[in-house]
Amino acid sequence: MVTLRRRDQVLTVPAGKSLERILREAGILPDTVLVVREGKIVPLDYRPQDGEEFELIDVISGG
């Protein structure tokens, strides 16, 4: 299983899908978050392995 943490939410999903697909299936638009592991941004085409944990950081924009 793969763990994604976003603020107070914890999402646990099976491994094997790309991060982009995992986010979309969870109802999260990939363009609205950065996926971070060990302090580094992870590309959305990455396929997480069992046991990996990620933090989702909201992207804020404005003018």
PDB file of N, CA and C in Angstrom:
ATOM      1  N   MET A   1       0.834  -1.180   0.000  1.00  0.00           N
ATOM      2  CA  MET A   1       0.000   0.000   0.000  1.00  0.00           C
ATOM      3  C   MET A   1       0.883   1.250   0.000  1.00  0.00           C
ATOM      4  N   VAL A   2       0.336   2.312  -0.543  1.00  0.00           N
ATOM      5  CA  VAL A   2       1.010   3.605  -0.643  1.00  0.00           C
ATOM      6  C   VAL A   2       0.215   4.600   0.205  1.00  0.00           C
ATOM      7  N   THR A   3       0.912   5.444   0.953  1.00  0.00           N
ATOM      8  CA  THR A   3       0.253   6.417   1.812  1.00  0.00           C
ATOM      9  C   THR A   3       0.511   7.824   1.300  1.00  0.00           C
ATOM     10  N   LEU A   4      -0.577   8.584   1.168  1.00  0.00           N
ATOM     11  CA  LEU A   4      -0.509   9.990   0.778  1.00  0.00           C
ATOM     12  C   LEU A   4      -1.118  10.811   1.903  1.00  0.00           C
ATOM     13  N   ARG A   5      -0.403  11.828   2.357  1.00  0.00           N
ATOM     14  CA  ARG A   5      -0.899  12.695   3.427  1.00  0.00           C
ATOM     15  C   ARG A   5      -1.104  14.100   2.887  1.00  0.00           C
ATOM     16  N   ARG A   6      -2.287  14.640   3.211  1.00  0.00           N
ATOM     17  CA  ARG A   6      -2.631  16.009   2.784  1.00  0.00           C
ATOM     18  C   ARG A   6      -3.357  16.688   3.931  1.00  0.00           C
ATOM     19  N   ARG A   7      -2.709  17.640   4.531  1.00  0.00           N
ATOM     20  CA  ARG A   7      -3.233  18.326   5.711  1.00  0.00           C
ATOM     21  C   ARG A   7      -3.632  17.284   6.754  1.00  0.00           C
ATOM     22  N   ASP A   8      -4.926  17.201   7.078  1.00  0.00           N
ATOM     23  CA  ASP A   8      -5.386  16.240   8.083  1.00  0.00           C
ATOM     24  C   ASP A   8      -5.888  14.941   7.459  1.00  0.00           C
ATOM     25  N   GLN A   9      -5.754  14.800   6.156  1.00  0.00           N
ATOM     26  CA  GLN A   9      -6.250  13.617   5.461  1.00  0.00           C
ATOM     27  C   GLN A   9      -5.118  12.623   5.219  1.00  0.00           C
ATOM     28  N   VAL A  10      -5.460  11.344   5.332  1.00  0.00           N
ATOM     29  CA  VAL A  10      -4.517  10.283   4.993  1.00  0.00           C
ATOM     30  C   VAL A  10      -5.225   9.365   4.001  1.00  0.00           C
ATOM     31  N   LEU A  11      -4.588   9.155   2.864  1.00  0.00           N
ATOM     32  CA  LEU A  11      -5.138   8.296   1.815  1.00  0.00           C
ATOM     33  C   LEU A  11      -4.203   7.121   1.637  1.00  0.00           C
ATOM     34  N   THR A  12      -4.750   5.914   1.732  1.00  0.00           N
ATOM     35  CA  THR A  12      -3.963   4.704   1.530  1.00  0.00           C
ATOM     36  C   THR A  12      -4.513   3.974   0.307  1.00  0.00           C
ATOM     37  N   VAL A  13      -3.636   3.725  -0.659  1.00  0.00           N
ATOM     38  CA  VAL A  13      -4.064   3.123  -1.924  1.00  0.00           C
ATOM     39  C   VAL A  13      -3.097   2.014  -2.326  1.00  0.00           C
ATOM     40  N   PRO A  14      -3.534   1.101  -3.175  1.00  0.00           N
ATOM     41  CA  PRO A  14      -2.630   0.063  -3.667  1.00  0.00           C
ATOM     42  C   PRO A  14      -1.548   0.649  -4.573  1.00  0.00           C
ATOM     43  N   ALA A  15      -0.398   0.048  -4.582  1.00  0.00           N
ATOM     44  CA  ALA A  15       0.700   0.452  -5.462  1.00  0.00           C
ATOM     45  C   ALA A  15       0.399  -0.002  -6.886  1.00  0.00           C
ATOM     46  N   GLY A  16       1.166   0.520  -7.849  1.00  0.00           N
ATOM     47  CA  GLY A  16       1.065   0.032  -9.221  1.00  0.00           C
ATOM     48  C   GLY A  16       0.526   1.036 -10.211  1.00  0.00           C
ATOM     49  N   LYS A  17      -0.146   2.085  -9.746  1.00  0.00           N
ATOM     50  CA  LYS A  17      -0.659   3.108 -10.641  1.00  0.00           C
ATOM     51  C   LYS A  17       0.239   4.330 -10.548  1.00  0.00           C
ATOM     52  N   SER A  18       0.181   5.178 -11.563  1.00  0.00           N
ATOM     53  CA  SER A  18       0.960   6.424 -11.515  1.00  0.00           C
ATOM     54  C   SER A  18       0.355   7.354 -10.468  1.00  0.00           C
ATOM     55  N   LEU A  19       1.175   8.264  -9.975  1.00  0.00           N
ATOM     56  CA  LEU A  19       0.671   9.234  -9.002  1.00  0.00           C
ATOM     57  C   LEU A  19      -0.467  10.056  -9.596  1.00  0.00           C
ATOM     58  N   GLU A  20      -0.348  10.409 -10.874  1.00  0.00           N
ATOM     59  CA  GLU A  20      -1.419  11.179 -11.515  1.00  0.00           C
ATOM     60  C   GLU A  20      -2.741  10.423 -11.461  1.00  0.00           C
ATOM     61  N   ARG A  21      -2.710   9.153 -11.783  1.00  0.00           N
ATOM     62  CA  ARG A  21      -3.943   8.355 -11.774  1.00  0.00           C
ATOM     63  C   ARG A  21      -4.481   8.201 -10.349  1.00  0.00           C
ATOM     64  N   ILE A  22      -3.597   7.969  -9.391  1.00  0.00           N
ATOM     65  CA  ILE A  22      -4.015   7.853  -7.986  1.00  0.00           C
ATOM     66  C   ILE A  22      -4.724   9.128  -7.544  1.00  0.00           C
ATOM     67  N   LEU A  23      -4.125  10.283  -7.873  1.00  0.00           N
ATOM     68  CA  LEU A  23      -4.734  11.555  -7.485  1.00  0.00           C
ATOM     69  C   LEU A  23      -6.095  11.736  -8.145  1.00  0.00           C
ATOM     70  N   ARG A  24      -6.171  11.490  -9.437  1.00  0.00           N
ATOM     71  CA  ARG A  24      -7.447  11.668 -10.151  1.00  0.00           C
ATOM     72  C   ARG A  24      -8.533  10.758  -9.580  1.00  0.00           C
ATOM     73  N   GLU A  25      -8.195   9.513  -9.298  1.00  0.00           N
ATOM     74  CA  GLU A  25      -9.178   8.577  -8.745  1.00  0.00           C
ATOM     75  C   GLU A  25      -9.622   8.981  -7.339  1.00  0.00           C
ATOM     76  N   ALA A  26      -8.778   9.753  -6.649  1.00  0.00           N
ATOM     77  CA  ALA A  26      -9.124  10.244  -5.307  1.00  0.00           C
ATOM     78  C   ALA A  26      -9.870  11.576  -5.382  1.00  0.00           C
ATOM     79  N   GLY A  27     -10.095  12.083  -6.598  1.00  0.00           N
ATOM     80  CA  GLY A  27     -10.811  13.338  -6.760  1.00  0.00           C
ATOM     81  C   GLY A  27      -9.947  14.565  -6.553  1.00  0.00           C
ATOM     82  N   ILE A  28      -8.632  14.405  -6.684  1.00  0.00           N
ATOM     83  CA  ILE A  28      -7.690  15.513  -6.528  1.00  0.00           C
ATOM     84  C   ILE A  28      -7.123  15.854  -7.900  1.00  0.00           C
ATOM     85  N   LEU A  29      -7.267  17.097  -8.309  1.00  0.00           N
ATOM     86  CA  LEU A  29      -6.692  17.515  -9.583  1.00  0.00           C
ATOM     87  C   LEU A  29      -5.178  17.582  -9.445  1.00  0.00           C
ATOM     88  N   PRO A  30      -4.436  16.860 -10.258  1.00  0.00           N
ATOM     89  CA  PRO A  30      -2.983  16.816 -10.130  1.00  0.00           C
ATOM     90  C   PRO A  30      -2.298  18.178 -10.199  1.00  0.00           C
ATOM     91  N   ASP A  31      -2.886  19.130 -10.920  1.00  0.00           N
ATOM     92  CA  ASP A  31      -2.279  20.456 -11.036  1.00  0.00           C
ATOM     93  C   ASP A  31      -2.418  21.292  -9.770  1.00  0.00           C
ATOM     94  N   THR A  32      -3.179  20.798  -8.795  1.00  0.00           N
ATOM     95  CA  THR A  32      -3.422  21.584  -7.578  1.00  0.00           C
ATOM     96  C   THR A  32      -2.528  21.192  -6.409  1.00  0.00           C
ATOM     97  N   VAL A  33      -1.680  20.167  -6.596  1.00  0.00           N
ATOM     98  CA  VAL A  33      -0.811  19.719  -5.516  1.00  0.00           C
ATOM     99  C   VAL A  33       0.589  19.387  -6.025  1.00  0.00           C
ATOM    100  N   LEU A  34       1.550  19.442  -5.118  1.00  0.00           N
ATOM    101  CA  LEU A  34       2.881  18.904  -5.367  1.00  0.00           C
ATOM    102  C   LEU A  34       2.988  17.628  -4.562  1.00  0.00           C
ATOM    103  N   VAL A  35       3.533  16.583  -5.161  1.00  0.00           N
ATOM    104  CA  VAL A  35       3.757  15.327  -4.450  1.00  0.00           C
ATOM    105  C   VAL A  35       5.213  15.310  -4.002  1.00  0.00           C
ATOM    106  N   VAL A  36       5.417  15.158  -2.688  1.00  0.00           N
ATOM    107  CA  VAL A  36       6.760  15.262  -2.117  1.00  0.00           C
ATOM    108  C   VAL A  36       7.094  13.991  -1.340  1.00  0.00           C
ATOM    109  N   ARG A  37       8.333  13.520  -1.528  1.00  0.00           N
ATOM    110  CA  ARG A  37       8.850  12.383  -0.761  1.00  0.00           C
ATOM    111  C   ARG A  37      10.267  12.740  -0.332  1.00  0.00           C
ATOM    112  N   GLU A  38      10.511  12.633   0.958  1.00  0.00           N
ATOM    113  CA  GLU A  38      11.834  12.926   1.517  1.00  0.00           C
ATOM    114  C   GLU A  38      12.341  14.291   1.083  1.00  0.00           C
ATOM    115  N   GLY A  39      11.436  15.284   1.064  1.00  0.00           N
ATOM    116  CA  GLY A  39      11.817  16.656   0.746  1.00  0.00           C
ATOM    117  C   GLY A  39      11.999  16.968  -0.721  1.00  0.00           C
ATOM    118  N   LYS A  40      11.709  16.016  -1.604  1.00  0.00           N
ATOM    119  CA  LYS A  40      11.892  16.226  -3.042  1.00  0.00           C
ATOM    120  C   LYS A  40      10.572  16.022  -3.780  1.00  0.00           C
ATOM    121  N   ILE A  41      10.342  16.860  -4.777  1.00  0.00           N
ATOM    122  CA  ILE A  41       9.134  16.738  -5.591  1.00  0.00           C
ATOM    123  C   ILE A  41       9.239  15.502  -6.472  1.00  0.00           C
ATOM    124  N   VAL A  42       8.154  14.743  -6.528  1.00  0.00           N
ATOM    125  CA  VAL A  42       8.110  13.496  -7.299  1.00  0.00           C
ATOM    126  C   VAL A  42       7.250  13.731  -8.544  1.00  0.00           C
ATOM    127  N   PRO A  43       7.703  13.321  -9.730  1.00  0.00           N
ATOM    128  CA  PRO A  43       6.910  13.521 -10.948  1.00  0.00           C
ATOM    129  C   PRO A  43       5.618  12.694 -10.927  1.00  0.00           C
ATOM    130  N   LEU A  44       4.596  13.222 -11.585  1.00  0.00           N
ATOM    131  CA  LEU A  44       3.286  12.573 -11.568  1.00  0.00           C
ATOM    132  C   LEU A  44       3.263  11.242 -12.313  1.00  0.00           C
ATOM    133  N   ASP A  45       4.234  10.980 -13.185  1.00  0.00           N
ATOM    134  CA  ASP A  45       4.244   9.696 -13.899  1.00  0.00           C
ATOM    135  C   ASP A  45       4.927   8.593 -13.077  1.00  0.00           C
ATOM    136  N   TYR A  46       5.430   8.938 -11.902  1.00  0.00           N
ATOM    137  CA  TYR A  46       6.082   7.947 -11.032  1.00  0.00           C
ATOM    138  C   TYR A  46       5.047   6.945 -10.523  1.00  0.00           C
ATOM    139  N   ARG A  47       5.444   5.665 -10.491  1.00  0.00           N
ATOM    140  CA  ARG A  47       4.579   4.602  -9.959  1.00  0.00           C
ATOM    141  C   ARG A  47       5.115   4.167  -8.601  1.00  0.00           C
ATOM    142  N   PRO A  48       4.428   4.550  -7.537  1.00  0.00           N
ATOM    143  CA  PRO A  48       4.906   4.236  -6.190  1.00  0.00           C
ATOM    144  C   PRO A  48       4.969   2.732  -5.922  1.00  0.00           C
ATOM    145  N   GLN A  49       5.891   2.378  -5.056  1.00  0.00           N
ATOM    146  CA  GLN A  49       6.067   0.992  -4.623  1.00  0.00           C
ATOM    147  C   GLN A  49       5.400   0.819  -3.256  1.00  0.00           C
ATOM    148  N   ASP A  50       5.088  -0.424  -2.908  1.00  0.00           N
ATOM    149  CA  ASP A  50       4.497  -0.714  -1.596  1.00  0.00           C
ATOM    150  C   ASP A  50       5.343  -0.117  -0.482  1.00  0.00           C
ATOM    151  N   GLY A  51       4.673   0.501   0.473  1.00  0.00           N
ATOM    152  CA  GLY A  51       5.343   1.039   1.644  1.00  0.00           C
ATOM    153  C   GLY A  51       5.810   2.474   1.518  1.00  0.00           C
ATOM    154  N   GLU A  52       5.746   3.048   0.325  1.00  0.00           N
ATOM    155  CA  GLU A  52       6.190   4.430   0.162  1.00  0.00           C
ATOM    156  C   GLU A  52       5.144   5.395   0.720  1.00  0.00           C
ATOM    157  N   GLU A  53       5.646   6.516   1.258  1.00  0.00           N
ATOM    158  CA  GLU A  53       4.780   7.552   1.807  1.00  0.00           C
ATOM    159  C   GLU A  53       5.102   8.880   1.147  1.00  0.00           C
ATOM    160  N   PHE A  54       4.062   9.659   0.869  1.00  0.00           N
ATOM    161  CA  PHE A  54       4.192  10.938   0.202  1.00  0.00           C
ATOM    162  C   PHE A  54       3.377  11.994   0.929  1.00  0.00           C
ATOM    163  N   GLU A  55       3.810  13.239   0.789  1.00  0.00           N
ATOM    164  CA  GLU A  55       3.058  14.369   1.304  1.00  0.00           C
ATOM    165  C   GLU A  55       2.520  15.141   0.108  1.00  0.00           C
ATOM    166  N   LEU A  56       1.260  15.558   0.198  1.00  0.00           N
ATOM    167  CA  LEU A  56       0.663  16.385  -0.849  1.00  0.00           C
ATOM    168  C   LEU A  56       0.616  17.813  -0.339  1.00  0.00           C
ATOM    169  N   ILE A  57       1.241  18.711  -1.077  1.00  0.00           N
ATOM    170  CA  ILE A  57       1.274  20.113  -0.702  1.00  0.00           C
ATOM    171  C   ILE A  57       0.433  20.900  -1.702  1.00  0.00           C
ATOM    172  N   ASP A  58      -0.542  21.638  -1.186  1.00  0.00           N
ATOM    173  CA  ASP A  58      -1.411  22.423  -2.053  1.00  0.00           C
ATOM    174  C   ASP A  58      -0.640  23.534  -2.744  1.00  0.00           C
ATOM    175  N   VAL A  59      -0.902  23.693  -4.033  1.00  0.00           N
ATOM    176  CA  VAL A  59      -0.308  24.765  -4.820  1.00  0.00           C
ATOM    177  C   VAL A  59      -1.236  25.974  -4.697  1.00  0.00           C
ATOM    178  N   ILE A  60      -0.662  27.093  -4.327  1.00  0.00           N
ATOM    179  CA  ILE A  60      -1.449  28.316  -4.169  1.00  0.00           C
ATOM    180  C   ILE A  60      -0.955  29.328  -5.194  1.00  0.00           C
ATOM    181  N   SER A  61      -1.897  29.896  -5.925  1.00  0.00           N
ATOM    182  CA  SER A  61      -1.514  30.912  -6.898  1.00  0.00           C
ATOM    183  C   SER A  61      -2.441  32.101  -6.751  1.00  0.00           C
ATOM    184  N   GLY A  62      -2.009  33.185  -7.240  1.00  0.00           N
ATOM    185  CA  GLY A  62      -2.832  34.381  -7.161  1.00  0.00           C
ATOM    186  C   GLY A  62      -2.167  35.506  -7.912  1.00  0.00           C
ATOM    187  N   GLY A  63      -2.847  36.620  -7.916  1.00  0.00           N
ATOM    188  CA  GLY A  63      -2.291  37.714  -8.672  1.00  0.00           C
ATOM    189  C   GLY A  63      -2.235  38.985  -7.872  1.00  0.00           C
TER     190      GLY A  63
END
